[in-house]
PDB file of all heavy atoms in Angstrom:
ATOM      1  N   ARG A   1       7.624  -9.427  -8.441  1.00  0.00           N
ATOM      2  CA  ARG A   1       7.377  -9.401  -6.947  1.00  0.00           C
ATOM      3  C   ARG A   1       7.617  -7.930  -6.453  1.00  0.00           C
ATOM      4  O   ARG A   1       8.717  -7.533  -6.521  1.00  0.00           O
ATOM      5  CB  ARG A   1       8.242 -10.453  -6.136  1.00  0.00           C
ATOM      6  CG  ARG A   1       7.713 -10.502  -4.704  1.00  0.00           C
ATOM      7  CD  ARG A   1       8.552 -11.419  -3.912  1.00  0.00           C
ATOM      8  NE  ARG A   1       9.816 -10.954  -3.499  1.00  0.00           N
ATOM      9  CZ  ARG A   1      10.558 -11.383  -2.501  1.00  0.00           C
ATOM     10  NH1 ARG A   1      10.083 -12.345  -1.812  1.00  0.00           N
ATOM     11  NH2 ARG A   1      11.784 -10.849  -2.279  1.00  0.00           N
ATOM     12  N   LEU A   2       6.627  -7.352  -5.820  1.00  0.00           N
ATOM     13  CA  LEU A   2       6.765  -6.056  -5.155  1.00  0.00           C
ATOM     14  C   LEU A   2       7.096  -6.216  -3.754  1.00  0.00           C
ATOM     15  O   LEU A   2       6.517  -7.057  -3.084  1.00  0.00           O
ATOM     16  CB  LEU A   2       5.522  -5.202  -5.375  1.00  0.00           C
ATOM     17  CG  LEU A   2       5.021  -5.006  -6.770  1.00  0.00           C
ATOM     18  CD1 LEU A   2       3.796  -4.050  -6.852  1.00  0.00           C
ATOM     19  CD2 LEU A   2       6.092  -4.449  -7.696  1.00  0.00           C
ATOM     20  N   SER A   3       7.919  -5.312  -3.202  1.00  0.00           N
ATOM     21  CA  SER A   3       8.176  -5.335  -1.754  1.00  0.00           C
ATOM     22  C   SER A   3       7.927  -3.968  -1.228  1.00  0.00           C
ATOM     23  O   SER A   3       7.922  -2.923  -1.999  1.00  0.00           O
ATOM     24  CB  SER A   3       9.659  -5.726  -1.554  1.00  0.00           C
ATOM     25  OG  SER A   3       9.993  -6.941  -1.988  1.00  0.00           O
ATOM     26  N   CYS A   4       7.589  -3.908   0.005  1.00  0.00           N
ATOM     27  CA  CYS A   4       7.285  -2.684   0.712  1.00  0.00           C
ATOM     28  C   CYS A   4       7.901  -2.724   2.069  1.00  0.00           C
ATOM     29  O   CYS A   4       7.529  -3.620   2.915  1.00  0.00           O
ATOM     30  CB  CYS A   4       5.815  -2.390   0.815  1.00  0.00           C
ATOM     31  SG  CYS A   4       5.343  -1.017   1.834  1.00  0.00           S
ATOM     32  N   ALA A   5       8.800  -1.818   2.363  1.00  0.00           N
ATOM     33  CA  ALA A   5       9.402  -1.817   3.731  1.00  0.00           C
ATOM     34  C   ALA A   5       8.870  -0.661   4.486  1.00  0.00           C
ATOM     35  O   ALA A   5       8.672   0.548   4.026  1.00  0.00           O
ATOM     36  CB  ALA A   5      10.895  -1.493   3.526  1.00  0.00           C
ATOM     37  N   ALA A   6       8.351  -0.968   5.678  1.00  0.00           N
ATOM     38  CA  ALA A   6       7.710   0.039   6.546  1.00  0.00           C
ATOM     39  C   ALA A   6       8.750   0.525   7.562  1.00  0.00           C
ATOM     40  O   ALA A   6       9.533  -0.341   8.092  1.00  0.00           O
ATOM     41  CB  ALA A   6       6.507  -0.631   7.238  1.00  0.00           C
ATOM     42  N   SER A   7       8.646   1.802   7.966  1.00  0.00           N
ATOM     43  CA  SER A   7       9.489   2.270   8.939  1.00  0.00           C
ATOM     44  C   SER A   7       8.811   3.360   9.738  1.00  0.00           C
ATOM     45  O   SER A   7       7.706   3.722   9.383  1.00  0.00           O
ATOM     46  CB  SER A   7      10.802   2.852   8.364  1.00  0.00           C
ATOM     47  OG  SER A   7      10.523   3.918   7.410  1.00  0.00           O
ATOM     48  N   GLY A   8       9.376   3.809  10.780  1.00  0.00           N
ATOM     49  CA  GLY A   8       8.804   4.859  11.640  1.00  0.00           C
ATOM     50  C   GLY A   8       8.041   4.244  12.709  1.00  0.00           C
ATOM     51  O   GLY A   8       8.557   3.371  13.368  1.00  0.00           O
ATOM     52  N   SER A   9       6.772   4.634  12.927  1.00  0.00           N
ATOM     53  CA  SER A   9       6.034   4.134  14.001  1.00  0.00           C
ATOM     54  C   SER A   9       5.284   2.794  13.649  1.00  0.00           C
ATOM     55  O   SER A   9       4.114   2.725  13.405  1.00  0.00           O
ATOM     56  CB  SER A   9       4.980   5.235  14.422  1.00  0.00           C
ATOM     57  OG  SER A   9       5.533   6.425  14.790  1.00  0.00           O
ATOM     58  N   ILE A  10       6.105   1.761  13.570  1.00  0.00           N
ATOM     59  CA  ILE A  10       5.597   0.518  13.068  1.00  0.00           C
ATOM     60  C   ILE A  10       4.509  -0.039  14.002  1.00  0.00           C
ATOM     61  O   ILE A  10       3.608  -0.735  13.519  1.00  0.00           O
ATOM     62  CB  ILE A  10       6.828  -0.573  13.153  1.00  0.00           C
ATOM     63  CG1 ILE A  10       7.968  -0.062  12.237  1.00  0.00           C
ATOM     64  CG2 ILE A  10       6.262  -1.870  12.690  1.00  0.00           C
ATOM     65  CD1 ILE A  10       7.496   0.093  10.776  1.00  0.00           C
ATOM     66  N   SER A  11       4.556   0.239  15.342  1.00  0.00           N
ATOM     67  CA  SER A  11       3.488  -0.233  16.224  1.00  0.00           C
ATOM     68  C   SER A  11       2.032   0.332  15.809  1.00  0.00           C
ATOM     69  O   SER A  11       1.046  -0.246  16.294  1.00  0.00           O
ATOM     70  CB  SER A  11       3.758   0.104  17.606  1.00  0.00           C
ATOM     71  OG  SER A  11       3.832   1.558  17.801  1.00  0.00           O
ATOM     72  N   ARG A  12       1.984   1.330  15.003  1.00  0.00           N
ATOM     73  CA  ARG A  12       0.740   1.897  14.642  1.00  0.00           C
ATOM     74  C   ARG A  12       0.134   1.163  13.500  1.00  0.00           C
ATOM     75  O   ARG A  12      -1.049   1.351  13.225  1.00  0.00           O
ATOM     76  CB  ARG A  12       0.818   3.394  14.320  1.00  0.00           C
ATOM     77  CG  ARG A  12       1.384   4.215  15.434  1.00  0.00           C
ATOM     78  CD  ARG A  12       1.229   5.724  15.079  1.00  0.00           C
ATOM     79  NE  ARG A  12      -0.102   6.182  15.033  1.00  0.00           N
ATOM     80  CZ  ARG A  12      -0.723   6.714  16.081  1.00  0.00           C
ATOM     81  NH1 ARG A  12      -0.162   6.935  17.272  1.00  0.00           N
ATOM     82  NH2 ARG A  12      -2.061   7.114  15.894  1.00  0.00           N
ATOM     83  N   ILE A  13       0.842   0.343  12.799  1.00  0.00           N
ATOM     84  CA  ILE A  13       0.365  -0.340  11.570  1.00  0.00           C
ATOM     85  C   ILE A  13      -0.593  -1.493  12.020  1.00  0.00           C
ATOM     86  O   ILE A  13      -0.349  -2.325  12.874  1.00  0.00           O
ATOM     87  CB  ILE A  13       1.492  -0.888  10.767  1.00  0.00           C
ATOM     88  CG1 ILE A  13       2.300   0.259  10.231  1.00  0.00           C
ATOM     89  CG2 ILE A  13       0.932  -1.821   9.607  1.00  0.00           C
ATOM     90  CD1 ILE A  13       3.582  -0.160   9.423  1.00  0.00           C
ATOM     91  N   ASN A  14      -1.700  -1.509  11.308  1.00  0.00           N
ATOM     92  CA  ASN A  14      -2.673  -2.610  11.550  1.00  0.00           C
ATOM     93  C   ASN A  14      -2.745  -3.448  10.217  1.00  0.00           C
ATOM     94  O   ASN A  14      -1.763  -4.191   9.977  1.00  0.00           O
ATOM     95  CB  ASN A  14      -4.109  -1.968  11.838  1.00  0.00           C
ATOM     96  CG  ASN A  14      -5.051  -2.992  12.288  1.00  0.00           C
ATOM     97  OD1 ASN A  14      -4.703  -4.136  12.769  1.00  0.00           O
ATOM     98  ND2 ASN A  14      -6.399  -2.755  12.000  1.00  0.00           N
ATOM     99  N   THR A  15      -3.674  -3.248   9.471  1.00  0.00           N
ATOM    100  CA  THR A  15      -3.767  -3.985   8.131  1.00  0.00           C
ATOM    101  C   THR A  15      -2.803  -3.294   7.162  1.00  0.00           C
ATOM    102  O   THR A  15      -2.593  -2.089   7.173  1.00  0.00           O
ATOM    103  CB  THR A  15      -5.201  -3.868   7.636  1.00  0.00           C
ATOM    104  OG1 THR A  15      -6.105  -4.530   8.474  1.00  0.00           O
ATOM    105  CG2 THR A  15      -5.309  -4.528   6.220  1.00  0.00           C
ATOM    106  N   MET A  16      -2.238  -4.130   6.257  1.00  0.00           N
ATOM    107  CA  MET A  16      -1.386  -3.567   5.182  1.00  0.00           C
ATOM    108  C   MET A  16      -1.988  -4.019   3.826  1.00  0.00           C
ATOM    109  O   MET A  16      -2.756  -4.979   3.917  1.00  0.00           O
ATOM    110  CB  MET A  16      -0.001  -3.978   5.339  1.00  0.00           C
ATOM    111  CG  MET A  16       0.737  -3.434   6.524  1.00  0.00           C
ATOM    112  SD  MET A  16       2.497  -3.671   6.570  1.00  0.00           S
ATOM    113  CE  MET A  16       2.935  -2.474   5.343  1.00  0.00           C
ATOM    114  N   GLY A  17      -1.585  -3.335   2.814  1.00  0.00           N
ATOM    115  CA  GLY A  17      -2.192  -3.691   1.561  1.00  0.00           C
ATOM    116  C   GLY A  17      -1.478  -3.129   0.374  1.00  0.00           C
ATOM    117  O   GLY A  17      -0.458  -2.431   0.512  1.00  0.00           O
ATOM    118  N   TRP A  18      -2.058  -3.359  -0.816  1.00  0.00           N
ATOM    119  CA  TRP A  18      -1.630  -2.779  -2.008  1.00  0.00           C
ATOM    120  C   TRP A  18      -2.801  -2.213  -2.785  1.00  0.00           C
ATOM    121  O   TRP A  18      -3.830  -2.843  -2.841  1.00  0.00           O
ATOM    122  CB  TRP A  18      -0.825  -3.855  -2.888  1.00  0.00           C
ATOM    123  CG  TRP A  18       0.433  -4.346  -2.335  1.00  0.00           C
ATOM    124  CD1 TRP A  18       0.661  -5.409  -1.531  1.00  0.00           C
ATOM    125  CD2 TRP A  18       1.669  -3.709  -2.660  1.00  0.00           C
ATOM    126  NE1 TRP A  18       2.000  -5.502  -1.233  1.00  0.00           N
ATOM    127  CE2 TRP A  18       2.646  -4.502  -1.882  1.00  0.00           C
ATOM    128  CE3 TRP A  18       2.179  -2.637  -3.309  1.00  0.00           C
ATOM    129  CZ2 TRP A  18       3.988  -4.259  -1.916  1.00  0.00           C
ATOM    130  CZ3 TRP A  18       3.501  -2.397  -3.411  1.00  0.00           C
ATOM    131  CH2 TRP A  18       4.431  -3.168  -2.657  1.00  0.00           C
ATOM    132  N   HIS A  19      -2.592  -1.085  -3.265  1.00  0.00           N
ATOM    133  CA  HIS A  19      -3.510  -0.417  -4.207  1.00  0.00           C
ATOM    134  C   HIS A  19      -2.838  -0.106  -5.427  1.00  0.00           C
ATOM    135  O   HIS A  19      -1.654   0.056  -5.469  1.00  0.00           O
ATOM    136  CB  HIS A  19      -4.109   0.895  -3.518  1.00  0.00           C
ATOM    137  CG  HIS A  19      -5.054   0.596  -2.417  1.00  0.00           C
ATOM    138  ND1 HIS A  19      -4.607   0.148  -1.251  1.00  0.00           N
ATOM    139  CD2 HIS A  19      -6.400   0.787  -2.199  1.00  0.00           C
ATOM    140  CE1 HIS A  19      -5.623  -0.041  -0.289  1.00  0.00           C
ATOM    141  NE2 HIS A  19      -6.633   0.427  -0.945  1.00  0.00           N
ATOM    142  N   ARG A  20      -3.617   0.205  -6.448  1.00  0.00           N
ATOM    143  CA  ARG A  20      -2.991   0.668  -7.700  1.00  0.00           C
ATOM    144  C   ARG A  20      -3.740   1.658  -8.452  1.00  0.00           C
ATOM    145  O   ARG A  20      -5.004   1.797  -8.243  1.00  0.00           O
ATOM    146  CB  ARG A  20      -2.725  -0.582  -8.704  1.00  0.00           C
ATOM    147  CG  ARG A  20      -4.050  -1.243  -9.194  1.00  0.00           C
ATOM    148  CD  ARG A  20      -3.761  -2.514  -9.953  1.00  0.00           C
ATOM    149  NE  ARG A  20      -5.020  -3.082 -10.527  1.00  0.00           N
ATOM    150  CZ  ARG A  20      -4.984  -4.261 -11.202  1.00  0.00           C
ATOM    151  NH1 ARG A  20      -3.893  -4.955 -11.294  1.00  0.00           N
ATOM    152  NH2 ARG A  20      -6.157  -4.688 -11.645  1.00  0.00           N
ATOM    153  N   GLN A  21      -3.142   2.450  -9.251  1.00  0.00           N
ATOM    154  CA  GLN A  21      -3.691   3.407 -10.145  1.00  0.00           C
ATOM    155  C   GLN A  21      -3.356   3.012 -11.503  1.00  0.00           C
ATOM    156  O   GLN A  21      -2.240   3.141 -12.058  1.00  0.00           O
ATOM    157  CB  GLN A  21      -3.030   4.834  -9.763  1.00  0.00           C
ATOM    158  CG  GLN A  21      -3.651   5.950 -10.637  1.00  0.00           C
ATOM    159  CD  GLN A  21      -5.077   6.238 -10.067  1.00  0.00           C
ATOM    160  OE1 GLN A  21      -5.132   6.637  -8.947  1.00  0.00           O
ATOM    161  NE2 GLN A  21      -6.045   6.138 -10.862  1.00  0.00           N
ATOM    162  N   VAL A  22      -4.445   2.507 -12.193  1.00  0.00           N
ATOM    163  CA  VAL A  22      -4.414   2.211 -13.589  1.00  0.00           C
ATOM    164  C   VAL A  22      -4.720   3.262 -14.469  1.00  0.00           C
ATOM    165  O   VAL A  22      -5.773   3.935 -14.086  1.00  0.00           O
ATOM    166  CB  VAL A  22      -5.217   0.921 -13.783  1.00  0.00           C
ATOM    167  CG1 VAL A  22      -5.291   0.647 -15.415  1.00  0.00           C
ATOM    168  CG2 VAL A  22      -4.834  -0.239 -12.980  1.00  0.00           C
ATOM    169  N   PRO A  23      -3.959   3.640 -15.478  1.00  0.00           N
ATOM    170  CA  PRO A  23      -4.256   4.792 -16.255  1.00  0.00           C
ATOM    171  C   PRO A  23      -5.748   4.776 -16.821  1.00  0.00           C
ATOM    172  O   PRO A  23      -6.151   3.752 -17.261  1.00  0.00           O
ATOM    173  CB  PRO A  23      -3.315   4.598 -17.503  1.00  0.00           C
ATOM    174  CG  PRO A  23      -2.163   3.963 -16.889  1.00  0.00           C
ATOM    175  CD  PRO A  23      -2.691   2.976 -15.885  1.00  0.00           C
ATOM    176  N   GLY A  24      -6.428   5.875 -16.601  1.00  0.00           N
ATOM    177  CA  GLY A  24      -7.805   6.033 -16.993  1.00  0.00           C
ATOM    178  C   GLY A  24      -8.840   5.449 -16.056  1.00  0.00           C
ATOM    179  O   GLY A  24     -10.013   5.482 -16.344  1.00  0.00           O
ATOM    180  N   LYS A  25      -8.320   4.864 -15.012  1.00  0.00           N
ATOM    181  CA  LYS A  25      -9.332   4.241 -13.996  1.00  0.00           C
ATOM    182  C   LYS A  25      -9.097   4.833 -12.585  1.00  0.00           C
ATOM    183  O   LYS A  25      -8.099   5.434 -12.320  1.00  0.00           O
ATOM    184  CB  LYS A  25      -9.112   2.748 -13.981  1.00  0.00           C
ATOM    185  CG  LYS A  25      -9.381   1.993 -15.255  1.00  0.00           C
ATOM    186  CD  LYS A  25      -9.159   0.564 -15.165  1.00  0.00           C
ATOM    187  CE  LYS A  25     -10.134  -0.096 -14.187  1.00  0.00           C
ATOM    188  NZ  LYS A  25     -10.002  -1.521 -14.078  1.00  0.00           N
ATOM    189  N   GLN A  26     -10.105   4.632 -11.863  1.00  0.00           N
ATOM    190  CA  GLN A  26     -10.070   5.076 -10.412  1.00  0.00           C
ATOM    191  C   GLN A  26      -9.060   4.242  -9.656  1.00  0.00           C
ATOM    192  O   GLN A  26      -8.943   3.038  -9.882  1.00  0.00           O
ATOM    193  CB  GLN A  26     -11.382   5.020  -9.835  1.00  0.00           C
ATOM    194  CG  GLN A  26     -11.634   5.774  -8.459  1.00  0.00           C
ATOM    195  CD  GLN A  26     -13.120   5.821  -8.055  1.00  0.00           C
ATOM    196  OE1 GLN A  26     -13.940   5.227  -8.600  1.00  0.00           O
ATOM    197  NE2 GLN A  26     -13.345   6.614  -7.035  1.00  0.00           N
ATOM    198  N   ARG A  27      -8.409   4.852  -8.699  1.00  0.00           N
ATOM    199  CA  ARG A  27      -7.453   4.083  -7.822  1.00  0.00           C
ATOM    200  C   ARG A  27      -8.276   2.902  -7.074  1.00  0.00           C
ATOM    201  O   ARG A  27      -9.564   3.090  -6.708  1.00  0.00           O
ATOM    202  CB  ARG A  27      -6.999   4.998  -6.739  1.00  0.00           C
ATOM    203  CG  ARG A  27      -5.824   4.322  -5.898  1.00  0.00           C
ATOM    204  CD  ARG A  27      -4.979   5.334  -5.110  1.00  0.00           C
ATOM    205  NE  ARG A  27      -4.323   6.276  -6.017  1.00  0.00           N
ATOM    206  CZ  ARG A  27      -3.449   7.205  -5.611  1.00  0.00           C
ATOM    207  NH1 ARG A  27      -3.205   7.282  -4.266  1.00  0.00           N
ATOM    208  NH2 ARG A  27      -2.856   7.951  -6.453  1.00  0.00           N
ATOM    209  N   GLU A  28      -7.696   1.799  -7.072  1.00  0.00           N
ATOM    210  CA  GLU A  28      -8.395   0.609  -6.579  1.00  0.00           C
ATOM    211  C   GLU A  28      -7.631  -0.188  -5.672  1.00  0.00           C
ATOM    212  O   GLU A  28      -6.396  -0.279  -5.693  1.00  0.00           O
ATOM    213  CB  GLU A  28      -8.940  -0.174  -7.780  1.00  0.00           C
ATOM    214  CG  GLU A  28      -7.710  -0.833  -8.602  1.00  0.00           C
ATOM    215  CD  GLU A  28      -8.246  -1.617  -9.801  1.00  0.00           C
ATOM    216  OE1 GLU A  28      -9.483  -1.875  -9.883  1.00  0.00           O
ATOM    217  OE2 GLU A  28      -7.431  -2.026 -10.610  1.00  0.00           O
ATOM    218  N   LEU A  29      -8.307  -0.958  -4.799  1.00  0.00           N
ATOM    219  CA  LEU A  29      -7.669  -1.921  -3.937  1.00  0.00           C
ATOM    220  C   LEU A  29      -7.233  -3.124  -4.715  1.00  0.00           C
ATOM    221  O   LEU A  29      -7.994  -3.672  -5.566  1.00  0.00           O
ATOM    222  CB  LEU A  29      -8.671  -2.335  -2.813  1.00  0.00           C
ATOM    223  CG  LEU A  29      -8.285  -3.544  -1.887  1.00  0.00           C
ATOM    224  CD1 LEU A  29      -7.164  -3.117  -1.082  1.00  0.00           C
ATOM    225  CD2 LEU A  29      -9.526  -4.034  -1.149  1.00  0.00           C
TER     226      LEU A  29
END
């Protein structure tokens, strides 16, 4: 389980997500 804590200007956040960079592949949603 991955967690992500947001801080700073929280009110500016709309959609959130996760992307990944798999070795040898393009960064993907």
